């Protein structure tokens, strides 16, 4: 009877213990890569990284093995998943750039000779969570369609000078909304992405706002502005800067496809 009673007490005590949560996916190695090889302008020292790539390789190996699909218990919240895919995309871009530079050190763009980007974004296989995919599918399916959040366009970095500035830290699930807000605010505050000419009644926008027009329009519609456009979305993040008049005609900058190297 004493043993039985002891077992009952032990079982009750174990039941009362808080449930052990699954370990979160680590971005430590990726943070080290960004901190060491990305400068304040978002340019990457690929030459130095190529000589010291252990941390990048470890992080990419972790991405290749683990994802929200393969290990959902490690990514319980929406921001856990989104932060993972943003970091995974950017890290796979780094790996791809190193592969290009290893073949030809004079490579000055990931977009190829014809500037279509097909070879880099579609023709090159990557692995995420044990599944073969490519950068375009990763962006379109796992990020754009799954989350319907245009702020990602200020976070995904395709190793081009026309991209948003690459941060020196990883996207953190606990801080993700603040990071994405800050990234989009910075993006639409830069003259290279939004230039207003009131005299001509025009606004010239980043080509990203043209390529992904439907993302910005769909967001406006879903948030109570059925006739909204890219200008409306930009104005959400202009902060203290003057809002862009909706009556201005939209034009778009040519996209700078040069490599974002230091």
C-alpha atoms as a PDB file:
ATOM      1  CA  UNK A   1       0.000   0.000   0.000  1.00  0.00           C
ATOM      2  CA  UNK A   2       2.864   2.375   0.799  1.00  0.00           C
ATOM      3  CA  UNK A   3       4.424   1.738  -2.604  1.00  0.00           C
ATOM      4  CA  UNK A   4       1.103   2.215  -4.369  1.00  0.00           C
ATOM      5  CA  UNK A   5       0.470   5.444  -2.536  1.00  0.00           C
ATOM      6  CA  UNK A   6       3.964   6.676  -3.361  1.00  0.00           C
ATOM      7  CA  UNK A   7       3.406   5.946  -7.027  1.00  0.00           C
ATOM      8  CA  UNK A   8       0.139   7.892  -6.960  1.00  0.00           C
ATOM      9  CA  UNK A   9       1.883  10.872  -5.358  1.00  0.00           C
ATOM     10  CA  UNK A  10       4.736  10.675  -7.882  1.00  0.00           C
ATOM     11  CA  UNK A  11       2.331  10.511 -10.811  1.00  0.00           C
ATOM     12  CA  UNK A  12       0.426  13.515  -9.499  1.00  0.00           C
ATOM     13  CA  UNK A  13       3.663  15.469  -9.091  1.00  0.00           C
ATOM     14  CA  UNK A  14       4.796  14.663 -12.631  1.00  0.00           C
ATOM     15  CA  UNK A  15       1.413  15.691 -14.013  1.00  0.00           C
ATOM     16  CA  UNK A  16       1.710  19.034 -12.253  1.00  0.00           C
ATOM     17  CA  UNK A  17       5.058  19.811 -13.870  1.00  0.00           C
ATOM     18  CA  UNK A  18       4.910  22.264 -16.793  1.00  0.00           C
ATOM     19  CA  UNK A  19       5.012  20.596 -20.184  1.00  0.00           C
ATOM     20  CA  UNK A  20       8.421  20.585 -21.811  1.00  0.00           C
ATOM     21  CA  UNK A  21       8.310  22.781 -24.896  1.00  0.00           C
ATOM     22  CA  UNK A  22      10.161  21.798 -28.027  1.00  0.00           C
ATOM     23  CA  UNK A  23      13.467  23.605 -28.592  1.00  0.00           C
ATOM     24  CA  UNK A  24      13.256  26.594 -30.895  1.00  0.00           C
ATOM     25  CA  UNK A  25      15.183  26.677 -34.151  1.00  0.00           C
ATOM     26  CA  UNK A  26      18.528  28.422 -33.653  1.00  0.00           C
ATOM     27  CA  UNK A  27      19.703  31.422 -35.666  1.00  0.00           C
ATOM     28  CA  UNK A  28      22.989  31.780 -33.766  1.00  0.00           C
ATOM     29  CA  UNK A  29      25.201  30.800 -36.697  1.00  0.00           C
ATOM     30  CA  UNK A  30      23.286  32.986 -39.138  1.00  0.00           C
ATOM     31  CA  UNK A  31      23.549  35.950 -36.756  1.00  0.00           C
ATOM     32  CA  UNK A  32      27.313  35.457 -36.645  1.00  0.00           C
ATOM     33  CA  UNK A  33      27.550  35.401 -40.445  1.00  0.00           C
ATOM     34  CA  UNK A  34      25.505  38.584 -40.810  1.00  0.00           C
ATOM     35  CA  UNK A  35      27.357  40.357 -38.018  1.00  0.00           C
ATOM     36  CA  UNK A  36      30.771  39.584 -39.467  1.00  0.00           C
ATOM     37  CA  UNK A  37      30.241  39.927 -43.207  1.00  0.00           C
ATOM     38  CA  UNK A  38      27.452  42.476 -43.766  1.00  0.00           C
ATOM     39  CA  UNK A  39      28.218  46.188 -43.416  1.00  0.00           C
ATOM     40  CA  UNK A  40      25.915  49.040 -42.434  1.00  0.00           C
ATOM     41  CA  UNK A  41      24.900  49.550 -46.062  1.00  0.00           C
ATOM     42  CA  UNK A  42      23.824  45.930 -46.410  1.00  0.00           C
ATOM     43  CA  UNK A  43      26.773  44.997 -48.619  1.00  0.00           C
ATOM     44  CA  UNK A  44      28.332  41.565 -48.163  1.00  0.00           C
ATOM     45  CA  UNK A  45      32.018  40.681 -47.991  1.00  0.00           C
ATOM     46  CA  UNK A  46      31.663  37.467 -49.973  1.00  0.00           C
ATOM     47  CA  UNK A  47      35.431  37.106 -50.473  1.00  0.00           C
ATOM     48  CA  UNK A  48      36.053  36.969 -46.713  1.00  0.00           C
ATOM     49  CA  UNK A  49      33.022  34.751 -46.138  1.00  0.00           C
ATOM     50  CA  UNK A  50      34.298  32.243 -48.701  1.00  0.00           C
ATOM     51  CA  UNK A  51      37.406  31.762 -46.553  1.00  0.00           C
ATOM     52  CA  UNK A  52      35.444  31.368 -43.310  1.00  0.00           C
ATOM     53  CA  UNK A  53      32.135  29.734 -44.168  1.00  0.00           C
ATOM     54  CA  UNK A  54      31.739  27.152 -41.383  1.00  0.00           C
ATOM     55  CA  UNK A  55      28.922  29.077 -39.685  1.00  0.00           C
ATOM     56  CA  UNK A  56      27.047  29.616 -42.933  1.00  0.00           C
ATOM     57  CA  UNK A  57      27.408  25.959 -43.862  1.00  0.00           C
ATOM     58  CA  UNK A  58      26.146  24.864 -40.432  1.00  0.00           C
ATOM     59  CA  UNK A  59      23.126  27.119 -40.685  1.00  0.00           C
ATOM     60  CA  UNK A  60      22.264  26.050 -44.232  1.00  0.00           C
ATOM     61  CA  UNK A  61      22.644  22.400 -43.157  1.00  0.00           C
ATOM     62  CA  UNK A  62      20.164  23.044 -40.326  1.00  0.00           C
ATOM     63  CA  UNK A  63      17.741  24.647 -42.814  1.00  0.00           C
ATOM     64  CA  UNK A  64      18.111  21.680 -45.140  1.00  0.00           C
ATOM     65  CA  UNK A  65      17.244  19.286 -42.330  1.00  0.00           C
ATOM     66  CA  UNK A  66      14.594  21.159 -40.344  1.00  0.00           C
ATOM     67  CA  UNK A  67      11.620  23.335 -41.287  1.00  0.00           C
ATOM     68  CA  UNK A  68       8.110  24.198 -40.062  1.00  0.00           C
ATOM     69  CA  UNK A  69       6.846  21.324 -42.193  1.00  0.00           C
ATOM     70  CA  UNK A  70       9.315  18.692 -41.019  1.00  0.00           C
ATOM     71  CA  UNK A  71       9.306  19.764 -37.349  1.00  0.00           C
ATOM     72  CA  UNK A  72       6.155  21.812 -36.675  1.00  0.00           C
ATOM     73  CA  UNK A  73       6.628  21.556 -32.914  1.00  0.00           C
ATOM     74  CA  UNK A  74       9.677  23.831 -33.225  1.00  0.00           C
ATOM     75  CA  UNK A  75       7.655  26.552 -34.968  1.00  0.00           C
ATOM     76  CA  UNK A  76       4.428  26.917 -32.951  1.00  0.00           C
ATOM     77  CA  UNK A  77       3.517  30.488 -33.948  1.00  0.00           C
ATOM     78  CA  UNK A  78       3.112  32.299 -37.259  1.00  0.00           C
ATOM     79  CA  UNK A  79       6.164  34.462 -36.641  1.00  0.00           C
ATOM     80  CA  UNK A  80       8.279  31.392 -35.876  1.00  0.00           C
ATOM     81  CA  UNK A  81       7.468  30.112 -39.349  1.00  0.00           C
ATOM     82  CA  UNK A  82       7.840  33.388 -41.203  1.00  0.00           C
ATOM     83  CA  UNK A  83      11.160  34.282 -39.552  1.00  0.00           C
ATOM     84  CA  UNK A  84      12.454  30.841 -40.494  1.00  0.00           C
ATOM     85  CA  UNK A  85      11.561  31.189 -44.175  1.00  0.00           C
ATOM     86  CA  UNK A  86      12.975  34.716 -44.463  1.00  0.00           C
ATOM     87  CA  UNK A  87      16.275  33.652 -42.922  1.00  0.00           C
ATOM     88  CA  UNK A  88      16.340  30.422 -44.934  1.00  0.00           C
ATOM     89  CA  UNK A  89      15.859  32.318 -48.200  1.00  0.00           C
ATOM     90  CA  UNK A  90      18.566  34.867 -47.472  1.00  0.00           C
ATOM     91  CA  UNK A  91      21.028  32.197 -46.319  1.00  0.00           C
ATOM     92  CA  UNK A  92      20.466  30.089 -49.427  1.00  0.00           C
ATOM     93  CA  UNK A  93      21.128  33.217 -51.490  1.00  0.00           C
ATOM     94  CA  UNK A  94      24.477  33.613 -49.713  1.00  0.00           C
ATOM     95  CA  UNK A  95      25.339  30.001 -50.482  1.00  0.00           C
ATOM     96  CA  UNK A  96      24.364  30.458 -54.119  1.00  0.00           C
ATOM     97  CA  UNK A  97      26.496  33.568 -54.492  1.00  0.00           C
ATOM     98  CA  UNK A  98      29.516  31.736 -53.089  1.00  0.00           C
ATOM     99  CA  UNK A  99      28.934  28.960 -55.624  1.00  0.00           C
ATOM    100  CA  UNK A 100      28.871  31.479 -58.482  1.00  0.00           C
ATOM    101  CA  UNK A 101      31.988  33.263 -57.269  1.00  0.00           C
ATOM    102  CA  UNK A 102      33.837  29.955 -56.867  1.00  0.00           C
ATOM    103  CA  UNK A 103      33.248  29.302 -60.565  1.00  0.00           C
ATOM    104  CA  UNK A 104      33.991  32.854 -61.691  1.00  0.00           C
ATOM    105  CA  UNK A 105      35.429  35.406 -59.274  1.00  0.00           C
ATOM    106  CA  UNK A 106      34.430  38.236 -61.623  1.00  0.00           C
ATOM    107  CA  UNK A 107      30.695  37.473 -61.263  1.00  0.00           C
ATOM    108  CA  UNK A 108      28.916  40.793 -60.820  1.00  0.00           C
ATOM    109  CA  UNK A 109      25.265  39.664 -60.727  1.00  0.00           C
ATOM    110  CA  UNK A 110      23.171  36.625 -59.818  1.00  0.00           C
ATOM    111  CA  UNK A 111      20.840  37.403 -62.723  1.00  0.00           C
ATOM    112  CA  UNK A 112      23.017  35.855 -65.437  1.00  0.00           C
ATOM    113  CA  UNK A 113      24.121  37.143 -68.818  1.00  0.00           C
ATOM    114  CA  UNK A 114      20.558  37.688 -70.024  1.00  0.00           C
ATOM    115  CA  UNK A 115      19.554  39.274 -66.677  1.00  0.00           C
ATOM    116  CA  UNK A 116      16.513  36.981 -66.313  1.00  0.00           C
ATOM    117  CA  UNK A 117      17.680  35.346 -63.079  1.00  0.00           C
ATOM    118  CA  UNK A 118      16.271  32.005 -64.195  1.00  0.00           C
ATOM    119  CA  UNK A 119      19.401  29.989 -63.503  1.00  0.00           C
ATOM    120  CA  UNK A 120      19.848  31.337 -59.980  1.00  0.00           C
ATOM    121  CA  UNK A 121      16.248  31.577 -58.772  1.00  0.00           C
ATOM    122  CA  UNK A 122      14.613  28.678 -60.652  1.00  0.00           C
ATOM    123  CA  UNK A 123      17.248  26.427 -62.186  1.00  0.00           C
ATOM    124  CA  UNK A 124      19.294  25.984 -59.011  1.00  0.00           C
ATOM    125  CA  UNK A 125      17.941  23.385 -56.568  1.00  0.00           C
ATOM    126  CA  UNK A 126      17.971  24.071 -52.840  1.00  0.00           C
ATOM    127  CA  UNK A 127      16.781  21.925 -49.913  1.00  0.00           C
ATOM    128  CA  UNK A 128      14.512  23.155 -47.133  1.00  0.00           C
ATOM    129  CA  UNK A 129      13.399  20.792 -44.392  1.00  0.00           C
ATOM    130  CA  UNK A 130      14.310  17.731 -46.444  1.00  0.00           C
ATOM    131  CA  UNK A 131      12.362  18.882 -49.511  1.00  0.00           C
ATOM    132  CA  UNK A 132      13.921  19.957 -52.800  1.00  0.00           C
ATOM    133  CA  UNK A 133      12.744  23.353 -54.043  1.00  0.00           C
ATOM    134  CA  UNK A 134      14.186  26.556 -55.516  1.00  0.00           C
ATOM    135  CA  UNK A 135      14.393  30.180 -54.427  1.00  0.00           C
ATOM    136  CA  UNK A 136      11.425  31.298 -56.519  1.00  0.00           C
ATOM    137  CA  UNK A 137       9.156  28.583 -55.104  1.00  0.00           C
ATOM    138  CA  UNK A 138      10.366  29.340 -51.601  1.00  0.00           C
ATOM    139  CA  UNK A 139       9.492  33.002 -52.047  1.00  0.00           C
ATOM    140  CA  UNK A 140       6.201  32.511 -53.863  1.00  0.00           C
ATOM    141  CA  UNK A 141       4.712  29.540 -52.006  1.00  0.00           C
ATOM    142  CA  UNK A 142       6.169  29.523 -48.507  1.00  0.00           C
ATOM    143  CA  UNK A 143       6.408  33.273 -47.984  1.00  0.00           C
ATOM    144  CA  UNK A 144       4.124  35.319 -50.244  1.00  0.00           C
ATOM    145  CA  UNK A 145       1.151  32.974 -50.531  1.00  0.00           C
ATOM    146  CA  UNK A 146       1.343  31.540 -47.029  1.00  0.00           C
ATOM    147  CA  UNK A 147       1.579  34.846 -45.152  1.00  0.00           C
ATOM    148  CA  UNK A 148       0.109  37.513 -47.487  1.00  0.00           C
ATOM    149  CA  UNK A 149       2.278  40.165 -45.815  1.00  0.00           C
ATOM    150  CA  UNK A 150       3.941  42.589 -48.260  1.00  0.00           C
ATOM    151  CA  UNK A 151       6.457  43.609 -45.594  1.00  0.00           C
ATOM    152  CA  UNK A 152       8.415  40.532 -46.661  1.00  0.00           C
ATOM    153  CA  UNK A 153       9.478  42.463 -49.759  1.00  0.00           C
ATOM    154  CA  UNK A 154      11.607  44.630 -47.481  1.00  0.00           C
ATOM    155  CA  UNK A 155      13.137  41.510 -45.887  1.00  0.00           C
ATOM    156  CA  UNK A 156      13.923  39.045 -48.675  1.00  0.00           C
ATOM    157  CA  UNK A 157      17.285  39.848 -50.222  1.00  0.00           C
ATOM    158  CA  UNK A 158      18.307  38.506 -53.637  1.00  0.00           C
ATOM    159  CA  UNK A 159      21.950  39.685 -53.486  1.00  0.00           C
ATOM    160  CA  UNK A 160      21.211  42.656 -55.744  1.00  0.00           C
ATOM    161  CA  UNK A 161      21.819  46.368 -55.264  1.00  0.00           C
ATOM    162  CA  UNK A 162      18.149  47.037 -55.995  1.00  0.00           C
ATOM    163  CA  UNK A 163      17.105  44.938 -52.993  1.00  0.00           C
ATOM    164  CA  UNK A 164      16.165  46.369 -49.620  1.00  0.00           C
ATOM    165  CA  UNK A 165      19.130  46.831 -47.302  1.00  0.00           C
ATOM    166  CA  UNK A 166      20.191  43.511 -45.790  1.00  0.00           C
ATOM    167  CA  UNK A 167      20.187  43.748 -41.965  1.00  0.00           C
ATOM    168  CA  UNK A 168      23.197  42.740 -39.882  1.00  0.00           C
ATOM    169  CA  UNK A 169      21.021  40.518 -37.669  1.00  0.00           C
ATOM    170  CA  UNK A 170      18.736  37.558 -38.323  1.00  0.00           C
ATOM    171  CA  UNK A 171      14.977  37.886 -38.301  1.00  0.00           C
ATOM    172  CA  UNK A 172      13.869  36.977 -34.784  1.00  0.00           C
ATOM    173  CA  UNK A 173      10.422  35.446 -34.198  1.00  0.00           C
ATOM    174  CA  UNK A 174      10.092  37.434 -30.958  1.00  0.00           C
ATOM    175  CA  UNK A 175      10.854  40.746 -32.673  1.00  0.00           C
ATOM    176  CA  UNK A 176       9.674  40.010 -36.185  1.00  0.00           C
ATOM    177  CA  UNK A 177       6.837  42.524 -36.456  1.00  0.00           C
ATOM    178  CA  UNK A 178       9.080  45.347 -35.265  1.00  0.00           C
ATOM    179  CA  UNK A 179      11.818  44.256 -37.678  1.00  0.00           C
ATOM    180  CA  UNK A 180       9.442  44.067 -40.643  1.00  0.00           C
ATOM    181  CA  UNK A 181       7.852  47.419 -39.823  1.00  0.00           C
ATOM    182  CA  UNK A 182      11.277  49.015 -39.528  1.00  0.00           C
ATOM    183  CA  UNK A 183      12.443  47.411 -42.763  1.00  0.00           C
ATOM    184  CA  UNK A 184       9.469  48.612 -44.783  1.00  0.00           C
ATOM    185  CA  UNK A 185       9.625  52.077 -43.218  1.00  0.00           C
ATOM    186  CA  UNK A 186      13.283  52.348 -44.229  1.00  0.00           C
ATOM    187  CA  UNK A 187      12.560  50.972 -47.699  1.00  0.00           C
ATOM    188  CA  UNK A 188       9.847  53.509 -48.589  1.00  0.00           C
ATOM    189  CA  UNK A 189      11.817  56.362 -47.002  1.00  0.00           C
ATOM    190  CA  UNK A 190      14.773  55.957 -49.369  1.00  0.00           C
ATOM    191  CA  UNK A 191      14.794  58.146 -52.469  1.00  0.00           C
ATOM    192  CA  UNK A 192      16.031  55.193 -54.524  1.00  0.00           C
ATOM    193  CA  UNK A 193      12.714  53.461 -53.804  1.00  0.00           C
ATOM    194  CA  UNK A 194      10.244  56.357 -53.565  1.00  0.00           C
ATOM    195  CA  UNK A 195      10.875  59.710 -55.271  1.00  0.00           C
ATOM    196  CA  UNK A 196       8.055  62.237 -55.496  1.00  0.00           C
ATOM    197  CA  UNK A 197       7.922  64.941 -58.157  1.00  0.00           C
ATOM    198  CA  UNK A 198       5.003  67.173 -57.183  1.00  0.00           C
ATOM    199  CA  UNK A 199       5.599  69.531 -60.093  1.00  0.00           C
ATOM    200  CA  UNK A 200       5.181  66.684 -62.575  1.00  0.00           C
ATOM    201  CA  UNK A 201       2.600  64.977 -60.347  1.00  0.00           C
ATOM    202  CA  UNK A 202       4.490  61.696 -60.515  1.00  0.00           C
ATOM    203  CA  UNK A 203       6.038  59.270 -58.055  1.00  0.00           C
ATOM    204  CA  UNK A 204       8.803  56.904 -59.097  1.00  0.00           C
ATOM    205  CA  UNK A 205       8.836  53.670 -57.106  1.00  0.00           C
ATOM    206  CA  UNK A 206      11.107  50.672 -56.685  1.00  0.00           C
ATOM    207  CA  UNK A 207      10.553  48.012 -59.324  1.00  0.00           C
ATOM    208  CA  UNK A 208       9.662  45.681 -56.429  1.00  0.00           C
ATOM    209  CA  UNK A 209       6.395  47.604 -56.072  1.00  0.00           C
ATOM    210  CA  UNK A 210       5.689  46.896 -59.742  1.00  0.00           C
ATOM    211  CA  UNK A 211       6.722  43.235 -59.856  1.00  0.00           C
ATOM    212  CA  UNK A 212       4.622  42.396 -56.816  1.00  0.00           C
ATOM    213  CA  UNK A 213       1.760  44.811 -57.419  1.00  0.00           C
ATOM    214  CA  UNK A 214      -0.890  42.216 -56.636  1.00  0.00           C
ATOM    215  CA  UNK A 215       0.549  41.626 -53.156  1.00  0.00           C
ATOM    216  CA  UNK A 216       0.212  45.293 -52.220  1.00  0.00           C
ATOM    217  CA  UNK A 217      -3.213  45.687 -53.826  1.00  0.00           C
ATOM    218  CA  UNK A 218      -4.513  42.517 -52.160  1.00  0.00           C
ATOM    219  CA  UNK A 219      -3.282  43.739 -48.772  1.00  0.00           C
ATOM    220  CA  UNK A 220      -5.056  47.067 -49.204  1.00  0.00           C
ATOM    221  CA  UNK A 221      -8.279  45.300 -50.190  1.00  0.00           C
ATOM    222  CA  UNK A 222      -8.048  42.929 -47.215  1.00  0.00           C
ATOM    223  CA  UNK A 223      -7.545  45.890 -44.876  1.00  0.00           C
ATOM    224  CA  UNK A 224     -10.558  47.950 -45.851  1.00  0.00           C
ATOM    225  CA  UNK A 225      -9.307  49.753 -48.946  1.00  0.00           C
ATOM    226  CA  UNK A 226     -10.785  47.902 -51.954  1.00  0.00           C
ATOM    227  CA  UNK A 227      -9.535  50.495 -54.442  1.00  0.00           C
ATOM    228  CA  UNK A 228      -6.085  50.726 -52.915  1.00  0.00           C
ATOM    229  CA  UNK A 229      -2.814  50.640 -54.804  1.00  0.00           C
ATOM    230  CA  UNK A 230       0.923  50.731 -54.183  1.00  0.00           C
ATOM    231  CA  UNK A 231       0.806  54.407 -53.187  1.00  0.00           C
ATOM    232  CA  UNK A 232      -1.666  53.619 -50.403  1.00  0.00           C
ATOM    233  CA  UNK A 233       0.608  50.887 -49.112  1.00  0.00           C
ATOM    234  CA  UNK A 234       3.696  53.102 -49.252  1.00  0.00           C
ATOM    235  CA  UNK A 235       1.847  55.795 -47.298  1.00  0.00           C
ATOM    236  CA  UNK A 236       1.267  53.362 -44.428  1.00  0.00           C
ATOM    237  CA  UNK A 237       5.013  53.415 -43.749  1.00  0.00           C
ATOM    238  CA  UNK A 238       6.037  56.971 -44.643  1.00  0.00           C
ATOM    239  CA  UNK A 239       6.106  58.004 -40.988  1.00  0.00           C
ATOM    240  CA  UNK A 240       7.008  61.683 -40.628  1.00  0.00           C
ATOM    241  CA  UNK A 241       7.611  62.038 -44.367  1.00  0.00           C
ATOM    242  CA  UNK A 242       4.872  63.632 -46.472  1.00  0.00           C
ATOM    243  CA  UNK A 243       2.334  61.191 -47.827  1.00  0.00           C
ATOM    244  CA  UNK A 244       2.440  60.573 -51.560  1.00  0.00           C
ATOM    245  CA  UNK A 245      -0.662  62.045 -53.261  1.00  0.00           C
ATOM    246  CA  UNK A 246      -2.857  59.277 -54.623  1.00  0.00           C
ATOM    247  CA  UNK A 247      -3.451  61.286 -57.772  1.00  0.00           C
ATOM    248  CA  UNK A 248       0.216  61.149 -58.750  1.00  0.00           C
ATOM    249  CA  UNK A 249       1.073  58.936 -61.689  1.00  0.00           C
ATOM    250  CA  UNK A 250       3.235  55.955 -60.792  1.00  0.00           C
ATOM    251  CA  UNK A 251       6.500  55.248 -62.595  1.00  0.00           C
ATOM    252  CA  UNK A 252       9.139  52.675 -61.675  1.00  0.00           C
ATOM    253  CA  UNK A 253      12.916  52.772 -61.415  1.00  0.00           C
ATOM    254  CA  UNK A 254      15.012  50.310 -63.371  1.00  0.00           C
ATOM    255  CA  UNK A 255      16.111  47.544 -61.009  1.00  0.00           C
ATOM    256  CA  UNK A 256      19.810  47.503 -60.172  1.00  0.00           C
ATOM    257  CA  UNK A 257      20.825  43.856 -60.614  1.00  0.00           C
ATOM    258  CA  UNK A 258      24.445  44.379 -59.666  1.00  0.00           C
ATOM    259  CA  UNK A 259      25.852  42.112 -56.943  1.00  0.00           C
ATOM    260  CA  UNK A 260      25.588  43.544 -53.422  1.00  0.00           C
ATOM    261  CA  UNK A 261      29.220  42.885 -52.601  1.00  0.00           C
ATOM    262  CA  UNK A 262      31.565  45.077 -50.598  1.00  0.00           C
END
